[in-house]
Amino acid sequence: MQQIRARQLADWLSDQGRTKPVLLDVREPWEYEICHLPDSLHIPMHQIPLRSNELRMDDDIVIICHHGGRSMQVAMFLERQGYSSLINLTGGVNAWADEVAPDLPRY
């Protein structure tokens, strides 16, 4: 599993010549309602075992939570299931607000 910083992810998402990753947000619904990255897929952490079939094994998947801990756990779980291109957003949505989108609501 790889790690990516918020600024690196922002650069990737803005690169028209590069295939966009799946942005998998694993936070709770109330957290997702407060703030989230545009076009992210919301599957709360506890639903991942039941809903991982919504993800394609060969996609680049950037996993997002509040600070990076839950997303790391989900990445390790998915890795054991055979997913190969998993990337944890270091610092989570909080780092995204710090480095990329300072107007994003915080909690």
PDB file of N, CA and C in Angstrom:
ATOM      1  N   MET A   1       0.834  -1.176   0.000  1.00  0.00           N
ATOM      2  CA  MET A   1       0.000   0.000   0.000  1.00  0.00           C
ATOM      3  C   MET A   1       0.885   1.247   0.000  1.00  0.00           C
ATOM      4  N   GLN A   2       0.404   2.231  -0.701  1.00  0.00           N
ATOM      5  CA  GLN A   2       1.148   3.475  -0.821  1.00  0.00           C
ATOM      6  C   GLN A   2       0.513   4.561   0.045  1.00  0.00           C
ATOM      7  N   GLN A   3       1.233   5.641   0.199  1.00  0.00           N
ATOM      8  CA  GLN A   3       0.748   6.830   0.900  1.00  0.00           C
ATOM      9  C   GLN A   3       0.789   7.996  -0.094  1.00  0.00           C
ATOM     10  N   ILE A   4      -0.137   8.928   0.068  1.00  0.00           N
ATOM     11  CA  ILE A   4      -0.121  10.130  -0.761  1.00  0.00           C
ATOM     12  C   ILE A   4      -0.498  11.319   0.119  1.00  0.00           C
ATOM     13  N   ARG A   5       0.161  12.424  -0.123  1.00  0.00           N
ATOM     14  CA  ARG A   5      -0.152  13.657   0.614  1.00  0.00           C
ATOM     15  C   ARG A   5      -1.269  14.387  -0.138  1.00  0.00           C
ATOM     16  N   ALA A   6      -1.941  15.259   0.551  1.00  0.00           N
ATOM     17  CA  ALA A   6      -3.079  15.968  -0.023  1.00  0.00           C
ATOM     18  C   ALA A   6      -2.691  16.764  -1.272  1.00  0.00           C
ATOM     19  N   ARG A   7      -1.578  17.466  -1.214  1.00  0.00           N
ATOM     20  CA  ARG A   7      -1.148  18.273  -2.366  1.00  0.00           C
ATOM     21  C   ARG A   7      -0.846  17.380  -3.573  1.00  0.00           C
ATOM     22  N   GLN A   8      -0.238  16.216  -3.330  1.00  0.00           N
ATOM     23  CA  GLN A   8       0.043  15.279  -4.422  1.00  0.00           C
ATOM     24  C   GLN A   8      -1.252  14.769  -5.042  1.00  0.00           C
ATOM     25  N   LEU A   9      -2.239  14.480  -4.207  1.00  0.00           N
ATOM     26  CA  LEU A   9      -3.529  14.024  -4.726  1.00  0.00           C
ATOM     27  C   LEU A   9      -4.198  15.127  -5.532  1.00  0.00           C
ATOM     28  N   ALA A  10      -4.145  16.337  -5.058  1.00  0.00           N
ATOM     29  CA  ALA A  10      -4.734  17.460  -5.795  1.00  0.00           C
ATOM     30  C   ALA A  10      -4.079  17.598  -7.170  1.00  0.00           C
ATOM     31  N   ASP A  11      -2.766  17.454  -7.225  1.00  0.00           N
ATOM     32  CA  ASP A  11      -2.058  17.522  -8.505  1.00  0.00           C
ATOM     33  C   ASP A  11      -2.502  16.398  -9.436  1.00  0.00           C
ATOM     34  N   TRP A  12      -2.645  15.196  -8.882  1.00  0.00           N
ATOM     35  CA  TRP A  12      -3.095  14.049  -9.671  1.00  0.00           C
ATOM     36  C   TRP A  12      -4.499  14.308 -10.226  1.00  0.00           C
ATOM     37  N   LEU A  13      -5.398  14.775  -9.380  1.00  0.00           N
ATOM     38  CA  LEU A  13      -6.775  15.002  -9.807  1.00  0.00           C
ATOM     39  C   LEU A  13      -6.883  16.090 -10.868  1.00  0.00           C
ATOM     40  N   SER A  14      -5.953  17.028 -10.866  1.00  0.00           N
ATOM     41  CA  SER A  14      -6.002  18.112 -11.854  1.00  0.00           C
ATOM     42  C   SER A  14      -5.245  17.772 -13.137  1.00  0.00           C
ATOM     43  N   ASP A  15      -4.551  16.662 -13.168  1.00  0.00           N
ATOM     44  CA  ASP A  15      -3.779  16.242 -14.341  1.00  0.00           C
ATOM     45  C   ASP A  15      -4.709  15.575 -15.358  1.00  0.00           C
ATOM     46  N   GLN A  16      -5.022  16.298 -16.432  1.00  0.00           N
ATOM     47  CA  GLN A  16      -5.952  15.806 -17.449  1.00  0.00           C
ATOM     48  C   GLN A  16      -5.416  14.584 -18.203  1.00  0.00           C
ATOM     49  N   GLY A  17      -4.114  14.372 -18.185  1.00  0.00           N
ATOM     50  CA  GLY A  17      -3.523  13.256 -18.901  1.00  0.00           C
ATOM     51  C   GLY A  17      -3.418  11.977 -18.084  1.00  0.00           C
ATOM     52  N   ARG A  18      -3.915  12.018 -16.887  1.00  0.00           N
ATOM     53  CA  ARG A  18      -3.784  10.870 -15.983  1.00  0.00           C
ATOM     54  C   ARG A  18      -5.167  10.367 -15.563  1.00  0.00           C
ATOM     55  N   THR A  19      -5.338   9.063 -15.533  1.00  0.00           N
ATOM     56  CA  THR A  19      -6.609   8.475 -15.100  1.00  0.00           C
ATOM     57  C   THR A  19      -6.858   8.818 -13.638  1.00  0.00           C
ATOM     58  N   LYS A  20      -8.058   9.274 -13.345  1.00  0.00           N
ATOM     59  CA  LYS A  20      -8.414   9.659 -11.977  1.00  0.00           C
ATOM     60  C   LYS A  20      -8.578   8.412 -11.101  1.00  0.00           C
ATOM     61  N   PRO A  21      -8.166   8.499  -9.853  1.00  0.00           N
ATOM     62  CA  PRO A  21      -8.367   7.379  -8.937  1.00  0.00           C
ATOM     63  C   PRO A  21      -9.801   7.377  -8.404  1.00  0.00           C
ATOM     64  N   VAL A  22     -10.211   6.257  -7.849  1.00  0.00           N
ATOM     65  CA  VAL A  22     -11.442   6.199  -7.082  1.00  0.00           C
ATOM     66  C   VAL A  22     -11.123   6.821  -5.721  1.00  0.00           C
ATOM     67  N   LEU A  23     -11.929   7.768  -5.290  1.00  0.00           N
ATOM     68  CA  LEU A  23     -11.762   8.387  -3.976  1.00  0.00           C
ATOM     69  C   LEU A  23     -12.759   7.713  -3.038  1.00  0.00           C
ATOM     70  N   LEU A  24     -12.262   6.851  -2.176  1.00  0.00           N
ATOM     71  CA  LEU A  24     -13.106   6.078  -1.270  1.00  0.00           C
ATOM     72  C   LEU A  24     -13.076   6.699   0.117  1.00  0.00           C
ATOM     73  N   ASP A  25     -14.178   7.294   0.513  1.00  0.00           N
ATOM     74  CA  ASP A  25     -14.293   7.928   1.829  1.00  0.00           C
ATOM     75  C   ASP A  25     -14.938   6.929   2.782  1.00  0.00           C
ATOM     76  N   VAL A  26     -14.216   6.572   3.846  1.00  0.00           N
ATOM     77  CA  VAL A  26     -14.677   5.526   4.762  1.00  0.00           C
ATOM     78  C   VAL A  26     -15.178   6.085   6.094  1.00  0.00           C
ATOM     79  N   ARG A  27     -15.410   7.381   6.156  1.00  0.00           N
ATOM     80  CA  ARG A  27     -15.890   7.989   7.396  1.00  0.00           C
ATOM     81  C   ARG A  27     -17.378   7.702   7.610  1.00  0.00           C
ATOM     82  N   GLU A  28     -17.838   8.041   8.793  1.00  0.00           N
ATOM     83  CA  GLU A  28     -19.249   7.875   9.129  1.00  0.00           C
ATOM     84  C   GLU A  28     -20.100   8.879   8.342  1.00  0.00           C
ATOM     85  N   PRO A  29     -21.394   8.560   8.136  1.00  0.00           N
ATOM     86  CA  PRO A  29     -22.253   9.472   7.360  1.00  0.00           C
ATOM     87  C   PRO A  29     -22.270  10.906   7.891  1.00  0.00           C
ATOM     88  N   TRP A  30     -22.307  11.084   9.198  1.00  0.00           N
ATOM     89  CA  TRP A  30     -22.348  12.449   9.740  1.00  0.00           C
ATOM     90  C   TRP A  30     -21.074  13.215   9.403  1.00  0.00           C
ATOM     91  N   GLU A  31     -19.941  12.520   9.337  1.00  0.00           N
ATOM     92  CA  GLU A  31     -18.681  13.174   8.972  1.00  0.00           C
ATOM     93  C   GLU A  31     -18.690  13.563   7.501  1.00  0.00           C
ATOM     94  N   TYR A  32     -19.160  12.639   6.666  1.00  0.00           N
ATOM     95  CA  TYR A  32     -19.213  12.870   5.225  1.00  0.00           C
ATOM     96  C   TYR A  32     -20.119  14.056   4.907  1.00  0.00           C
ATOM     97  N   GLU A  33     -21.219  14.200   5.655  1.00  0.00           N
ATOM     98  CA  GLU A  33     -22.141  15.314   5.429  1.00  0.00           C
ATOM     99  C   GLU A  33     -21.488  16.660   5.726  1.00  0.00           C
ATOM    100  N   ILE A  34     -20.588  16.698   6.680  1.00  0.00           N
ATOM    101  CA  ILE A  34     -19.913  17.952   7.029  1.00  0.00           C
ATOM    102  C   ILE A  34     -18.994  18.403   5.901  1.00  0.00           C
ATOM    103  N   CYS A  35     -18.200  17.466   5.385  1.00  0.00           N
ATOM    104  CA  CYS A  35     -17.266  17.796   4.310  1.00  0.00           C
ATOM    105  C   CYS A  35     -16.787  16.522   3.638  1.00  0.00           C
ATOM    106  N   HIS A  36     -16.477  16.635   2.365  1.00  0.00           N
ATOM    107  CA  HIS A  36     -15.891  15.514   1.624  1.00  0.00           C
ATOM    108  C   HIS A  36     -15.285  16.035   0.325  1.00  0.00           C
ATOM    109  N   LEU A  37     -14.427  15.224  -0.248  1.00  0.00           N
ATOM    110  CA  LEU A  37     -13.826  15.581  -1.524  1.00  0.00           C
ATOM    111  C   LEU A  37     -14.853  15.354  -2.628  1.00  0.00           C
ATOM    112  N   PRO A  38     -14.894  16.227  -3.619  1.00  0.00           N
ATOM    113  CA  PRO A  38     -15.838  16.054  -4.725  1.00  0.00           C
ATOM    114  C   PRO A  38     -15.645  14.704  -5.415  1.00  0.00           C
ATOM    115  N   ASP A  39     -16.747  14.135  -5.835  1.00  0.00           N
ATOM    116  CA  ASP A  39     -16.762  12.867  -6.584  1.00  0.00           C
ATOM    117  C   ASP A  39     -16.262  11.667  -5.788  1.00  0.00           C
ATOM    118  N   SER A  40     -16.276  11.771  -4.461  1.00  0.00           N
ATOM    119  CA  SER A  40     -15.827  10.622  -3.672  1.00  0.00           C
ATOM    120  C   SER A  40     -16.968   9.627  -3.488  1.00  0.00           C
ATOM    121  N   LEU A  41     -16.598   8.373  -3.389  1.00  0.00           N
ATOM    122  CA  LEU A  41     -17.516   7.280  -3.115  1.00  0.00           C
ATOM    123  C   LEU A  41     -17.542   7.085  -1.608  1.00  0.00           C
ATOM    124  N   HIS A  42     -18.730   7.137  -1.022  1.00  0.00           N
ATOM    125  CA  HIS A  42     -18.836   7.017   0.431  1.00  0.00           C
ATOM    126  C   HIS A  42     -19.272   5.610   0.813  1.00  0.00           C
ATOM    127  N   ILE A  43     -18.367   4.867   1.459  1.00  0.00           N
ATOM    128  CA  ILE A  43     -18.691   3.576   2.050  1.00  0.00           C
ATOM    129  C   ILE A  43     -18.095   3.596   3.452  1.00  0.00           C
ATOM    130  N   PRO A  44     -18.923   3.754   4.485  1.00  0.00           N
ATOM    131  CA  PRO A  44     -18.392   3.778   5.848  1.00  0.00           C
ATOM    132  C   PRO A  44     -17.566   2.527   6.155  1.00  0.00           C
ATOM    133  N   MET A  45     -16.565   2.712   6.981  1.00  0.00           N
ATOM    134  CA  MET A  45     -15.614   1.646   7.292  1.00  0.00           C
ATOM    135  C   MET A  45     -16.300   0.331   7.651  1.00  0.00           C
ATOM    136  N   HIS A  46     -17.316   0.383   8.495  1.00  0.00           N
ATOM    137  CA  HIS A  46     -17.960  -0.858   8.940  1.00  0.00           C
ATOM    138  C   HIS A  46     -18.724  -1.571   7.822  1.00  0.00           C
ATOM    139  N   GLN A  47     -18.975  -0.886   6.701  1.00  0.00           N
ATOM    140  CA  GLN A  47     -19.682  -1.494   5.577  1.00  0.00           C
ATOM    141  C   GLN A  47     -18.742  -2.057   4.507  1.00  0.00           C
ATOM    142  N   ILE A  48     -17.458  -1.800   4.635  1.00  0.00           N
ATOM    143  CA  ILE A  48     -16.494  -2.235   3.620  1.00  0.00           C
ATOM    144  C   ILE A  48     -16.558  -3.747   3.361  1.00  0.00           C
ATOM    145  N   PRO A  49     -16.577  -4.600   4.397  1.00  0.00           N
ATOM    146  CA  PRO A  49     -16.634  -6.045   4.102  1.00  0.00           C
ATOM    147  C   PRO A  49     -17.851  -6.443   3.267  1.00  0.00           C
ATOM    148  N   LEU A  50     -18.972  -5.770   3.452  1.00  0.00           N
ATOM    149  CA  LEU A  50     -20.189  -6.099   2.709  1.00  0.00           C
ATOM    150  C   LEU A  50     -20.264  -5.435   1.344  1.00  0.00           C
ATOM    151  N   ARG A  51     -19.575  -4.322   1.178  1.00  0.00           N
ATOM    152  CA  ARG A  51     -19.723  -3.529  -0.046  1.00  0.00           C
ATOM    153  C   ARG A  51     -18.452  -3.418  -0.881  1.00  0.00           C
ATOM    154  N   SER A  52     -17.416  -4.147  -0.517  1.00  0.00           N
ATOM    155  CA  SER A  52     -16.159  -4.032  -1.275  1.00  0.00           C
ATOM    156  C   SER A  52     -16.339  -4.458  -2.732  1.00  0.00           C
ATOM    157  N   ASN A  53     -17.396  -5.220  -3.018  1.00  0.00           N
ATOM    158  CA  ASN A  53     -17.652  -5.622  -4.404  1.00  0.00           C
ATOM    159  C   ASN A  53     -18.029  -4.433  -5.294  1.00  0.00           C
ATOM    160  N   GLU A  54     -18.285  -3.269  -4.697  1.00  0.00           N
ATOM    161  CA  GLU A  54     -18.552  -2.053  -5.469  1.00  0.00           C
ATOM    162  C   GLU A  54     -17.265  -1.451  -6.033  1.00  0.00           C
ATOM    163  N   LEU A  55     -16.127  -1.976  -5.602  1.00  0.00           N
ATOM    164  CA  LEU A  55     -14.817  -1.491  -6.039  1.00  0.00           C
ATOM    165  C   LEU A  55     -14.226  -2.470  -7.030  1.00  0.00           C
ATOM    166  N   ARG A  56     -13.522  -1.954  -8.016  1.00  0.00           N
ATOM    167  CA  ARG A  56     -12.852  -2.831  -8.993  1.00  0.00           C
ATOM    168  C   ARG A  56     -11.437  -3.103  -8.515  1.00  0.00           C
ATOM    169  N   MET A  57     -11.040  -4.349  -8.617  1.00  0.00           N
ATOM    170  CA  MET A  57      -9.736  -4.796  -8.116  1.00  0.00           C
ATOM    171  C   MET A  57      -8.559  -4.054  -8.742  1.00  0.00           C
ATOM    172  N   ASP A  58      -8.700  -3.630 -10.002  1.00  0.00           N
ATOM    173  CA  ASP A  58      -7.555  -3.043 -10.705  1.00  0.00           C
ATOM    174  C   ASP A  58      -7.557  -1.511 -10.728  1.00  0.00           C
ATOM    175  N   ASP A  59      -8.545  -0.873 -10.103  1.00  0.00           N
ATOM    176  CA  ASP A  59      -8.566   0.593 -10.046  1.00  0.00           C
ATOM    177  C   ASP A  59      -7.559   1.112  -9.024  1.00  0.00           C
ATOM    178  N   ASP A  60      -7.051   2.313  -9.263  1.00  0.00           N
ATOM    179  CA  ASP A  60      -6.310   3.032  -8.233  1.00  0.00           C
ATOM    180  C   ASP A  60      -7.351   3.545  -7.248  1.00  0.00           C
ATOM    181  N   ILE A  61      -7.206   3.186  -5.982  1.00  0.00           N
ATOM    182  CA  ILE A  61      -8.173   3.587  -4.966  1.00  0.00           C
ATOM    183  C   ILE A  61      -7.460   4.383  -3.888  1.00  0.00           C
ATOM    184  N   VAL A  62      -7.843   5.648  -3.741  1.00  0.00           N
ATOM    185  CA  VAL A  62      -7.326   6.491  -2.672  1.00  0.00           C
ATOM    186  C   VAL A  62      -8.347   6.435  -1.547  1.00  0.00           C
ATOM    187  N   ILE A  63      -7.912   5.982  -0.383  1.00  0.00           N
ATOM    188  CA  ILE A  63      -8.809   5.796   0.742  1.00  0.00           C
ATOM    189  C   ILE A  63      -8.658   6.986   1.695  1.00  0.00           C
ATOM    190  N   ILE A  64      -9.819   7.520   2.112  1.00  0.00           N
ATOM    191  CA  ILE A  64      -9.854   8.780   2.857  1.00  0.00           C
ATOM    192  C   ILE A  64     -10.651   8.612   4.145  1.00  0.00           C
ATOM    193  N   CYS A  65     -10.120   9.166   5.227  1.00  0.00           N
ATOM    194  CA  CYS A  65     -10.886   9.295   6.471  1.00  0.00           C
ATOM    195  C   CYS A  65     -10.572  10.675   7.048  1.00  0.00           C
ATOM    196  N   HIS A  66     -10.746  10.852   8.346  1.00  0.00           N
ATOM    197  CA  HIS A  66     -10.522  12.165   8.941  1.00  0.00           C
ATOM    198  C   HIS A  66      -9.036  12.512   9.044  1.00  0.00           C
ATOM    199  N   HIS A  67      -8.243  11.598   9.628  1.00  0.00           N
ATOM    200  CA  HIS A  67      -6.814  11.857   9.816  1.00  0.00           C
ATOM    201  C   HIS A  67      -5.889  10.810   9.190  1.00  0.00           C
ATOM    202  N   GLY A  68      -6.420   9.732   8.660  1.00  0.00           N
ATOM    203  CA  GLY A  68      -5.587   8.730   8.001  1.00  0.00           C
ATOM    204  C   GLY A  68      -5.498   7.389   8.694  1.00  0.00           C
ATOM    205  N   GLY A  69      -6.023   7.253   9.904  1.00  0.00           N
ATOM    206  CA  GLY A  69      -5.942   5.995  10.639  1.00  0.00           C
ATOM    207  C   GLY A  69      -6.931   4.947  10.166  1.00  0.00           C
ATOM    208  N   ARG A  70      -8.192   5.326  10.073  1.00  0.00           N
ATOM    209  CA  ARG A  70      -9.207   4.373   9.604  1.00  0.00           C
ATOM    210  C   ARG A  70      -8.957   3.982   8.159  1.00  0.00           C
ATOM    211  N   SER A  71      -8.556   4.933   7.351  1.00  0.00           N
ATOM    212  CA  SER A  71      -8.293   4.626   5.948  1.00  0.00           C
ATOM    213  C   SER A  71      -7.137   3.641   5.817  1.00  0.00           C
ATOM    214  N   MET A  72      -6.152   3.743   6.692  1.00  0.00           N
ATOM    215  CA  MET A  72      -5.037   2.793   6.690  1.00  0.00           C
ATOM    216  C   MET A  72      -5.552   1.384   7.017  1.00  0.00           C
ATOM    217  N   GLN A  73      -6.442   1.272   7.983  1.00  0.00           N
ATOM    218  CA  GLN A  73      -7.004  -0.031   8.343  1.00  0.00           C
ATOM    219  C   GLN A  73      -7.809  -0.620   7.187  1.00  0.00           C
ATOM    220  N   VAL A  74      -8.603   0.206   6.518  1.00  0.00           N
ATOM    221  CA  VAL A  74      -9.379  -0.256   5.369  1.00  0.00           C
ATOM    222  C   VAL A  74      -8.443  -0.694   4.247  1.00  0.00           C
ATOM    223  N   ALA A  75      -7.394   0.060   4.016  1.00  0.00           N
ATOM    224  CA  ALA A  75      -6.426  -0.302   2.977  1.00  0.00           C
ATOM    225  C   ALA A  75      -5.800  -1.666   3.272  1.00  0.00           C
ATOM    226  N   MET A  76      -5.447  -1.913   4.529  1.00  0.00           N
ATOM    227  CA  MET A  76      -4.862  -3.209   4.882  1.00  0.00           C
ATOM    228  C   MET A  76      -5.872  -4.334   4.677  1.00  0.00           C
ATOM    229  N   PHE A  77      -7.134  -4.101   5.019  1.00  0.00           N
ATOM    230  CA  PHE A  77      -8.182  -5.095   4.800  1.00  0.00           C
ATOM    231  C   PHE A  77      -8.338  -5.385   3.309  1.00  0.00           C
ATOM    232  N   LEU A  78      -8.467  -4.333   2.496  1.00  0.00           N
ATOM    233  CA  LEU A  78      -8.658  -4.522   1.055  1.00  0.00           C
ATOM    234  C   LEU A  78      -7.446  -5.194   0.411  1.00  0.00           C
ATOM    235  N   GLU A  79      -6.270  -4.870   0.904  1.00  0.00           N
ATOM    236  CA  GLU A  79      -5.059  -5.508   0.396  1.00  0.00           C
ATOM    237  C   GLU A  79      -5.126  -7.024   0.608  1.00  0.00           C
ATOM    238  N   ARG A  80      -5.591  -7.436   1.775  1.00  0.00           N
ATOM    239  CA  ARG A  80      -5.737  -8.874   2.058  1.00  0.00           C
ATOM    240  C   ARG A  80      -6.803  -9.519   1.168  1.00  0.00           C
ATOM    241  N   GLN A  81      -7.730  -8.714   0.645  1.00  0.00           N
ATOM    242  CA  GLN A  81      -8.773  -9.231  -0.238  1.00  0.00           C
ATOM    243  C   GLN A  81      -8.299  -9.304  -1.691  1.00  0.00           C
ATOM    244  N   GLY A  82      -7.101  -8.799  -1.970  1.00  0.00           N
ATOM    245  CA  GLY A  82      -6.557  -8.898  -3.316  1.00  0.00           C
ATOM    246  C   GLY A  82      -6.520  -7.610  -4.113  1.00  0.00           C
ATOM    247  N   TYR A  83      -6.956  -6.504  -3.532  1.00  0.00           N
ATOM    248  CA  TYR A  83      -6.871  -5.221  -4.233  1.00  0.00           C
ATOM    249  C   TYR A  83      -5.410  -4.806  -4.283  1.00  0.00           C
ATOM    250  N   SER A  84      -4.978  -4.324  -5.442  1.00  0.00           N
ATOM    251  CA  SER A  84      -3.535  -4.128  -5.626  1.00  0.00           C
ATOM    252  C   SER A  84      -3.066  -2.679  -5.627  1.00  0.00           C
ATOM    253  N   SER A  85      -3.920  -1.730  -5.960  1.00  0.00           N
ATOM    254  CA  SER A  85      -3.466  -0.348  -6.067  1.00  0.00           C
ATOM    255  C   SER A  85      -4.204   0.527  -5.052  1.00  0.00           C
ATOM    256  N   LEU A  86      -3.795   0.377  -3.796  1.00  0.00           N
ATOM    257  CA  LEU A  86      -4.420   1.087  -2.688  1.00  0.00           C
ATOM    258  C   LEU A  86      -3.496   2.184  -2.192  1.00  0.00           C
ATOM    259  N   ILE A  87      -4.076   3.360  -1.971  1.00  0.00           N
ATOM    260  CA  ILE A  87      -3.293   4.520  -1.575  1.00  0.00           C
ATOM    261  C   ILE A  87      -4.005   5.205  -0.417  1.00  0.00           C
ATOM    262  N   ASN A  88      -3.310   5.353   0.683  1.00  0.00           N
ATOM    263  CA  ASN A  88      -3.874   6.019   1.855  1.00  0.00           C
ATOM    264  C   ASN A  88      -3.588   7.519   1.779  1.00  0.00           C
ATOM    265  N   LEU A  89      -4.622   8.325   1.992  1.00  0.00           N
ATOM    266  CA  LEU A  89      -4.433   9.777   2.035  1.00  0.00           C
ATOM    267  C   LEU A  89      -3.880  10.141   3.409  1.00  0.00           C
ATOM    268  N   THR A  90      -2.587  10.425   3.461  1.00  0.00           N
ATOM    269  CA  THR A  90      -1.922  10.784   4.706  1.00  0.00           C
ATOM    270  C   THR A  90      -2.548  12.041   5.290  1.00  0.00           C
ATOM    271  N   GLY A  91      -2.992  11.955   6.529  1.00  0.00           N
ATOM    272  CA  GLY A  91      -3.606  13.103   7.185  1.00  0.00           C
ATOM    273  C   GLY A  91      -5.073  13.282   6.881  1.00  0.00           C
ATOM    274  N   GLY A  92      -5.607  12.487   5.964  1.00  0.00           N
ATOM    275  CA  GLY A  92      -7.034  12.471   5.661  1.00  0.00           C
ATOM    276  C   GLY A  92      -7.601  13.789   5.168  1.00  0.00           C
ATOM    277  N   VAL A  93      -8.907  13.911   5.356  1.00  0.00           N
ATOM    278  CA  VAL A  93      -9.612  15.109   4.905  1.00  0.00           C
ATOM    279  C   VAL A  93      -9.132  16.345   5.671  1.00  0.00           C
ATOM    280  N   ASN A  94      -8.617  16.139   6.864  1.00  0.00           N
ATOM    281  CA  ASN A  94      -8.062  17.254   7.625  1.00  0.00           C
ATOM    282  C   ASN A  94      -6.843  17.845   6.907  1.00  0.00           C
ATOM    283  N   ALA A  95      -5.980  16.991   6.389  1.00  0.00           N
ATOM    284  CA  ALA A  95      -4.817  17.459   5.623  1.00  0.00           C
ATOM    285  C   ALA A  95      -5.259  18.114   4.316  1.00  0.00           C
ATOM    286  N   TRP A  96      -6.331  17.585   3.718  1.00  0.00           N
ATOM    287  CA  TRP A  96      -6.859  18.185   2.490  1.00  0.00           C
ATOM    288  C   TRP A  96      -7.272  19.627   2.768  1.00  0.00           C
ATOM    289  N   ALA A  97      -7.940  19.854   3.903  1.00  0.00           N
ATOM    290  CA  ALA A  97      -8.348  21.210   4.280  1.00  0.00           C
ATOM    291  C   ALA A  97      -7.130  22.089   4.547  1.00  0.00           C
ATOM    292  N   ASP A  98      -6.106  21.535   5.179  1.00  0.00           N
ATOM    293  CA  ASP A  98      -4.889  22.309   5.480  1.00  0.00           C
ATOM    294  C   ASP A  98      -4.116  22.685   4.222  1.00  0.00           C
ATOM    295  N   GLU A  99      -3.958  21.730   3.303  1.00  0.00           N
ATOM    296  CA  GLU A  99      -3.038  21.900   2.179  1.00  0.00           C
ATOM    297  C   GLU A  99      -3.687  22.311   0.862  1.00  0.00           C
ATOM    298  N   VAL A 100      -4.983  22.006   0.705  1.00  0.00           N
ATOM    299  CA  VAL A 100      -5.607  22.199  -0.614  1.00  0.00           C
ATOM    300  C   VAL A 100      -6.841  23.091  -0.567  1.00  0.00           C
ATOM    301  N   ALA A 101      -7.726  22.853   0.384  1.00  0.00           N
ATOM    302  CA  ALA A 101      -9.013  23.547   0.409  1.00  0.00           C
ATOM    303  C   ALA A 101      -9.280  24.151   1.776  1.00  0.00           C
ATOM    304  N   PRO A 102      -8.649  25.279   2.094  1.00  0.00           N
ATOM    305  CA  PRO A 102      -8.798  25.865   3.414  1.00  0.00           C
ATOM    306  C   PRO A 102     -10.222  26.286   3.766  1.00  0.00           C
ATOM    307  N   ASP A 103     -11.088  26.414   2.765  1.00  0.00           N
ATOM    308  CA  ASP A 103     -12.480  26.787   3.028  1.00  0.00           C
ATOM    309  C   ASP A 103     -13.366  25.579   3.349  1.00  0.00           C
ATOM    310  N   LEU A 104     -12.801  24.383   3.305  1.00  0.00           N
ATOM    311  CA  LEU A 104     -13.556  23.171   3.617  1.00  0.00           C
ATOM    312  C   LEU A 104     -13.916  23.166   5.100  1.00  0.00           C
ATOM    313  N   PRO A 105     -15.180  22.902   5.436  1.00  0.00           N
ATOM    314  CA  PRO A 105     -15.557  22.852   6.849  1.00  0.00           C
ATOM    315  C   PRO A 105     -14.730  21.808   7.613  1.00  0.00           C
ATOM    316  N   ARG A 106     -14.465  22.114   8.862  1.00  0.00           N
ATOM    317  CA  ARG A 106     -13.685  21.206   9.718  1.00  0.00           C
ATOM    318  C   ARG A 106     -14.525  20.763  10.895  1.00  0.00           C
ATOM    319  N   TYR A 107     -14.091  19.673  11.476  1.00  0.00           N
ATOM    320  CA  TYR A 107     -14.769  19.184  12.682  1.00  0.00           C
ATOM    321  C   TYR A 107     -13.759  18.527  13.588  1.00  0.00           C
TER     322      TYR A 107
END
